[in-house]
Amino acid sequence: MEAAAQRIDAAKAEFYPNVNLVAFAGFQAFGFSHFLDANSDIRGVSPALSLPIFAGARLRAQLGSQTAIYDGAVEQYNATVINAMSDVANAVTRAQSLEKQHRLTAQALATAQRARDLAEQAYKAGMSDAINMLNTQVALLAEEQQQAQNGARELDLYVSLMNALGGGI
C-alpha cells in the first residue's frame, strides 16, 4: 500500500517542470593527429528544461491509473483486516463455547466417576450385578473420551486464534 502511495506521488511529480544541469568534457579534433592538442579539448555546462505542456492527458491518465491501483491496495488491505478480525471474533466465540462445554464435561465426568464408584461398591456388597458396574464404566470412558476430544478442540482453537492474530502457523 505504501508503494502504491509513493507511485501516486511520483505520478504527481511528473506534472512539474524538470530542470537539469548537463555538463560535458572531452576532445574534439579534425584528424587523429590533432586529437591531443591543447586546442582540441572541449567542455561545457548547459541547462536542460522539460515542460510537460503537451503531455497533460497522458500524465492525468497515469495519475488516474496509479490512484486506482492505490485504491485497490487499500480495499485489499481493508478486506484483509476485516477477515482477520472476523476470524478472531469467531475464534473467541468458539473459545467461550468450548469453555462452557469443558465445564459441562467436567461435571459429567465427575458424575460418571461417582456413579462408577457407587456401582462398584454395590457390586462388591452383592447388591448389584456386574452388568450395571460395566455400564457405569462404559459411561465413564465415554465422558473421558469427550473430555479428550474437547482438549483436541481447544488445541485446534488455539492454532486458529494464533493464525487469525498473525502468528503465521
C-alpha atoms as a PDB file:
ATOM      1  CA  MET A   1       0.000   0.000   0.000  1.00  0.00           C
ATOM      2  CA  GLU A   2       2.868   2.348   0.812  1.00  0.00           C
ATOM      3  CA  ALA A   3       4.495   1.584  -2.534  1.00  0.00           C
ATOM      4  CA  ALA A   4       1.246   2.443  -4.328  1.00  0.00           C
ATOM      5  CA  ALA A   5       1.097   5.769  -2.449  1.00  0.00           C
ATOM      6  CA  GLN A   6       4.688   6.501  -3.486  1.00  0.00           C
ATOM      7  CA  ARG A   7       3.791   5.797  -7.125  1.00  0.00           C
ATOM      8  CA  ILE A   8       0.964   8.366  -6.869  1.00  0.00           C
ATOM      9  CA  ASP A   9       3.463  10.936  -5.578  1.00  0.00           C
ATOM     10  CA  ALA A  10       5.784  10.093  -8.470  1.00  0.00           C
ATOM     11  CA  ALA A  11       2.915  10.498 -10.957  1.00  0.00           C
ATOM     12  CA  LYS A  12       2.080  13.903  -9.432  1.00  0.00           C
ATOM     13  CA  ALA A  13       5.723  14.955  -9.692  1.00  0.00           C
ATOM     14  CA  GLU A  14       5.579  14.344 -13.457  1.00  0.00           C
ATOM     15  CA  PHE A  15       3.304  17.411 -13.755  1.00  0.00           C
ATOM     16  CA  TYR A  16       6.101  19.750 -12.613  1.00  0.00           C
ATOM     17  CA  PRO A  17       8.809  21.095 -14.920  1.00  0.00           C
ATOM     18  CA  ASN A  18      12.054  19.157 -14.893  1.00  0.00           C
ATOM     19  CA  VAL A  19      15.237  21.223 -14.772  1.00  0.00           C
ATOM     20  CA  ASN A  20      18.631  19.530 -15.056  1.00  0.00           C
ATOM     21  CA  LEU A  21      22.161  20.753 -15.495  1.00  0.00           C
ATOM     22  CA  VAL A  22      24.204  18.900 -18.060  1.00  0.00           C
ATOM     23  CA  ALA A  23      27.991  19.045 -18.006  1.00  0.00           C
ATOM     24  CA  PHE A  24      30.324  17.577 -20.577  1.00  0.00           C
ATOM     25  CA  ALA A  25      34.034  17.426 -21.216  1.00  0.00           C
ATOM     26  CA  GLY A  26      36.051  15.798 -23.964  1.00  0.00           C
ATOM     27  CA  PHE A  27      38.280  16.232 -27.003  1.00  0.00           C
ATOM     28  CA  GLN A  28      37.333  17.433 -30.461  1.00  0.00           C
ATOM     29  CA  ALA A  29      39.718  17.356 -33.374  1.00  0.00           C
ATOM     30  CA  PHE A  30      39.695  17.144 -37.145  1.00  0.00           C
ATOM     31  CA  GLY A  31      42.044  14.295 -37.738  1.00  0.00           C
ATOM     32  CA  PHE A  32      43.683  11.928 -35.346  1.00  0.00           C
ATOM     33  CA  SER A  33      46.984  13.813 -35.301  1.00  0.00           C
ATOM     34  CA  HIS A  34      45.337  16.863 -33.678  1.00  0.00           C
ATOM     35  CA  PHE A  35      43.394  14.795 -31.154  1.00  0.00           C
ATOM     36  CA  LEU A  36      45.562  15.549 -28.104  1.00  0.00           C
ATOM     37  CA  ASP A  37      46.442  19.159 -28.970  1.00  0.00           C
ATOM     38  CA  ALA A  38      45.786  21.803 -26.321  1.00  0.00           C
ATOM     39  CA  ASN A  39      43.151  23.402 -28.540  1.00  0.00           C
ATOM     40  CA  SER A  40      41.211  20.168 -29.043  1.00  0.00           C
ATOM     41  CA  ASP A  41      39.640  19.989 -25.602  1.00  0.00           C
ATOM     42  CA  ILE A  42      36.005  20.945 -25.249  1.00  0.00           C
ATOM     43  CA  ARG A  43      33.839  21.350 -22.201  1.00  0.00           C
ATOM     44  CA  GLY A  44      30.615  22.986 -21.242  1.00  0.00           C
ATOM     45  CA  VAL A  45      27.634  23.236 -18.946  1.00  0.00           C
ATOM     46  CA  SER A  46      24.081  23.760 -20.091  1.00  0.00           C
ATOM     47  CA  PRO A  47      20.620  23.564 -18.579  1.00  0.00           C
ATOM     48  CA  ALA A  48      18.086  21.030 -19.752  1.00  0.00           C
ATOM     49  CA  LEU A  49      14.455  22.011 -19.270  1.00  0.00           C
ATOM     50  CA  SER A  50      11.493  19.730 -19.773  1.00  0.00           C
ATOM     51  CA  LEU A  51       7.999  21.191 -19.587  1.00  0.00           C
ATOM     52  CA  PRO A  52       5.063  18.759 -19.612  1.00  0.00           C
ATOM     53  CA  ILE A  53       2.911  21.162 -21.624  1.00  0.00           C
ATOM     54  CA  PHE A  54       1.685  18.740 -24.270  1.00  0.00           C
ATOM     55  CA  ALA A  55       1.652  15.607 -22.091  1.00  0.00           C
ATOM     56  CA  GLY A  56      -1.188  16.621 -19.754  1.00  0.00           C
ATOM     57  CA  ALA A  57      -3.636  13.948 -20.904  1.00  0.00           C
ATOM     58  CA  ARG A  58      -1.035  11.200 -20.621  1.00  0.00           C
ATOM     59  CA  LEU A  59       0.043  12.425 -17.183  1.00  0.00           C
ATOM     60  CA  ARG A  60      -3.558  12.620 -15.945  1.00  0.00           C
ATOM     61  CA  ALA A  61      -4.154   9.087 -17.215  1.00  0.00           C
ATOM     62  CA  GLN A  62      -1.044   7.848 -15.396  1.00  0.00           C
ATOM     63  CA  LEU A  63      -2.137   9.622 -12.213  1.00  0.00           C
ATOM     64  CA  GLY A  64      -5.612   8.119 -12.508  1.00  0.00           C
ATOM     65  CA  SER A  65      -4.129   4.678 -13.062  1.00  0.00           C
ATOM     66  CA  GLN A  66      -1.838   4.966 -10.043  1.00  0.00           C
ATOM     67  CA  THR A  67      -4.727   6.269  -7.926  1.00  0.00           C
ATOM     68  CA  ALA A  68      -6.857   3.294  -8.971  1.00  0.00           C
ATOM     69  CA  ILE A  69      -4.033   0.902  -8.078  1.00  0.00           C
ATOM     70  CA  TYR A  70      -3.725   2.603  -4.677  1.00  0.00           C
ATOM     71  CA  ASP A  71      -7.480   2.389  -4.096  1.00  0.00           C
ATOM     72  CA  GLY A  72      -7.347  -1.318  -4.935  1.00  0.00           C
ATOM     73  CA  ALA A  73      -4.492  -1.837  -2.481  1.00  0.00           C
ATOM     74  CA  VAL A  74      -6.430  -0.009   0.246  1.00  0.00           C
ATOM     75  CA  GLU A  75      -9.517  -2.131  -0.434  1.00  0.00           C
ATOM     76  CA  GLN A  76      -7.459  -5.310  -0.302  1.00  0.00           C
ATOM     77  CA  TYR A  77      -5.852  -4.209   2.968  1.00  0.00           C
ATOM     78  CA  ASN A  78      -9.239  -3.350   4.469  1.00  0.00           C
ATOM     79  CA  ALA A  79     -10.661  -6.710   3.393  1.00  0.00           C
ATOM     80  CA  THR A  80      -7.688  -8.490   4.950  1.00  0.00           C
ATOM     81  CA  VAL A  81      -8.148  -6.625   8.237  1.00  0.00           C
ATOM     82  CA  ILE A  82     -11.889  -7.314   8.275  1.00  0.00           C
ATOM     83  CA  ASN A  83     -11.333 -11.007   7.550  1.00  0.00           C
ATOM     84  CA  ALA A  84      -8.706 -11.229  10.288  1.00  0.00           C
ATOM     85  CA  MET A  85     -10.982  -9.515  12.796  1.00  0.00           C
ATOM     86  CA  SER A  86     -13.824 -11.824  11.803  1.00  0.00           C
ATOM     87  CA  ASP A  87     -11.555 -14.834  12.287  1.00  0.00           C
ATOM     88  CA  VAL A  88     -10.519 -13.559  15.719  1.00  0.00           C
ATOM     89  CA  ALA A  89     -14.139 -12.915  16.718  1.00  0.00           C
ATOM     90  CA  ASN A  90     -15.128 -16.406  15.564  1.00  0.00           C
ATOM     91  CA  ALA A  91     -12.242 -17.939  17.485  1.00  0.00           C
ATOM     92  CA  VAL A  92     -13.184 -16.048  20.654  1.00  0.00           C
ATOM     93  CA  THR A  93     -16.811 -17.154  20.292  1.00  0.00           C
ATOM     94  CA  ARG A  94     -15.682 -20.735  19.815  1.00  0.00           C
ATOM     95  CA  ALA A  95     -13.426 -20.389  22.877  1.00  0.00           C
ATOM     96  CA  GLN A  96     -16.355 -19.249  25.004  1.00  0.00           C
ATOM     97  CA  SER A  97     -18.483 -22.128  23.751  1.00  0.00           C
ATOM     98  CA  LEU A  98     -15.658 -24.584  24.311  1.00  0.00           C
ATOM     99  CA  GLU A  99     -15.132 -23.291  27.853  1.00  0.00           C
ATOM    100  CA  LYS A 100     -18.807 -23.924  28.593  1.00  0.00           C
ATOM    101  CA  GLN A 101     -18.548 -27.421  27.086  1.00  0.00           C
ATOM    102  CA  HIS A 102     -15.435 -28.047  29.171  1.00  0.00           C
ATOM    103  CA  ARG A 103     -17.264 -27.147  32.402  1.00  0.00           C
ATOM    104  CA  LEU A 104     -20.237 -29.344  31.494  1.00  0.00           C
ATOM    105  CA  THR A 105     -17.971 -32.236  30.510  1.00  0.00           C
ATOM    106  CA  ALA A 106     -16.033 -31.915  33.775  1.00  0.00           C
ATOM    107  CA  GLN A 107     -19.297 -32.083  35.721  1.00  0.00           C
ATOM    108  CA  ALA A 108     -20.483 -35.065  33.684  1.00  0.00           C
ATOM    109  CA  LEU A 109     -17.130 -36.786  34.218  1.00  0.00           C
ATOM    110  CA  ALA A 110     -17.328 -36.254  37.989  1.00  0.00           C
ATOM    111  CA  THR A 111     -20.891 -37.615  37.992  1.00  0.00           C
ATOM    112  CA  ALA A 112     -19.838 -40.650  35.935  1.00  0.00           C
ATOM    113  CA  GLN A 113     -16.936 -41.323  38.324  1.00  0.00           C
ATOM    114  CA  ARG A 114     -19.283 -41.180  41.344  1.00  0.00           C
ATOM    115  CA  ALA A 115     -21.753 -43.475  39.575  1.00  0.00           C
ATOM    116  CA  ARG A 116     -18.991 -45.950  38.766  1.00  0.00           C
ATOM    117  CA  ASP A 117     -17.706 -45.869  42.348  1.00  0.00           C
ATOM    118  CA  LEU A 118     -21.215 -46.470  43.713  1.00  0.00           C
ATOM    119  CA  ALA A 119     -21.842 -49.267  41.203  1.00  0.00           C
ATOM    120  CA  GLU A 120     -18.526 -50.882  42.161  1.00  0.00           C
ATOM    121  CA  GLN A 121     -19.363 -50.669  45.871  1.00  0.00           C
ATOM    122  CA  ALA A 122     -22.816 -52.120  45.236  1.00  0.00           C
ATOM    123  CA  TYR A 123     -21.293 -54.956  43.205  1.00  0.00           C
ATOM    124  CA  LYS A 124     -18.760 -55.746  45.932  1.00  0.00           C
ATOM    125  CA  ALA A 125     -21.532 -55.714  48.546  1.00  0.00           C
ATOM    126  CA  GLY A 126     -23.567 -58.079  46.370  1.00  0.00           C
ATOM    127  CA  MET A 127     -26.354 -55.551  45.862  1.00  0.00           C
ATOM    128  CA  SER A 128     -25.833 -55.227  42.090  1.00  0.00           C
ATOM    129  CA  ASP A 129     -24.704 -57.339  39.191  1.00  0.00           C
ATOM    130  CA  ALA A 130     -21.571 -56.954  37.048  1.00  0.00           C
ATOM    131  CA  ILE A 131     -23.547 -55.596  34.065  1.00  0.00           C
ATOM    132  CA  ASN A 132     -24.542 -52.472  35.990  1.00  0.00           C
ATOM    133  CA  MET A 133     -20.930 -51.920  37.076  1.00  0.00           C
ATOM    134  CA  LEU A 134     -19.677 -52.393  33.483  1.00  0.00           C
ATOM    135  CA  ASN A 135     -22.329 -49.997  32.126  1.00  0.00           C
ATOM    136  CA  THR A 136     -21.176 -47.269  34.514  1.00  0.00           C
ATOM    137  CA  GLN A 137     -17.572 -47.991  33.476  1.00  0.00           C
ATOM    138  CA  VAL A 138     -18.561 -47.554  29.792  1.00  0.00           C
ATOM    139  CA  ALA A 139     -20.312 -44.257  30.638  1.00  0.00           C
ATOM    140  CA  LEU A 140     -17.179 -43.072  32.456  1.00  0.00           C
ATOM    141  CA  LEU A 141     -14.984 -43.972  29.479  1.00  0.00           C
ATOM    142  CA  ALA A 142     -17.360 -42.100  27.154  1.00  0.00           C
ATOM    143  CA  GLU A 143     -17.062 -38.970  29.316  1.00  0.00           C
ATOM    144  CA  GLU A 144     -13.260 -39.285  29.388  1.00  0.00           C
ATOM    145  CA  GLN A 145     -13.279 -39.591  25.599  1.00  0.00           C
ATOM    146  CA  GLN A 146     -15.475 -36.486  25.347  1.00  0.00           C
ATOM    147  CA  GLN A 147     -13.048 -34.600  27.585  1.00  0.00           C
ATOM    148  CA  ALA A 148     -10.108 -35.669  25.395  1.00  0.00           C
ATOM    149  CA  GLN A 149     -11.982 -34.507  22.279  1.00  0.00           C
ATOM    150  CA  ASN A 150     -12.619 -31.151  23.935  1.00  0.00           C
ATOM    151  CA  GLY A 151      -8.891 -30.889  24.661  1.00  0.00           C
ATOM    152  CA  ALA A 152      -8.148 -31.522  20.977  1.00  0.00           C
ATOM    153  CA  ARG A 153     -10.700 -28.850  20.010  1.00  0.00           C
ATOM    154  CA  GLU A 154      -9.001 -26.421  22.408  1.00  0.00           C
ATOM    155  CA  LEU A 155      -5.656 -27.019  20.699  1.00  0.00           C
ATOM    156  CA  ASP A 156      -7.255 -26.568  17.271  1.00  0.00           C
ATOM    157  CA  LEU A 157      -8.876 -23.371  18.503  1.00  0.00           C
ATOM    158  CA  TYR A 158      -5.533 -22.106  19.800  1.00  0.00           C
ATOM    159  CA  VAL A 159      -3.951 -22.685  16.385  1.00  0.00           C
ATOM    160  CA  SER A 160      -6.861 -20.914  14.651  1.00  0.00           C
ATOM    161  CA  LEU A 161      -6.625 -17.970  17.015  1.00  0.00           C
ATOM    162  CA  MET A 162      -2.859 -17.632  16.581  1.00  0.00           C
ATOM    163  CA  ASN A 163      -3.284 -17.782  12.801  1.00  0.00           C
ATOM    164  CA  ALA A 164      -6.024 -15.123  12.894  1.00  0.00           C
ATOM    165  CA  LEU A 165      -3.821 -12.894  15.046  1.00  0.00           C
ATOM    166  CA  GLY A 166      -0.984 -13.189  12.531  1.00  0.00           C
ATOM    167  CA  GLY A 167       1.028 -15.895  14.248  1.00  0.00           C
ATOM    168  CA  GLY A 168       1.865 -17.447  10.886  1.00  0.00           C
ATOM    169  CA  ILE A 169       1.220 -21.018  11.943  1.00  0.00           C
END
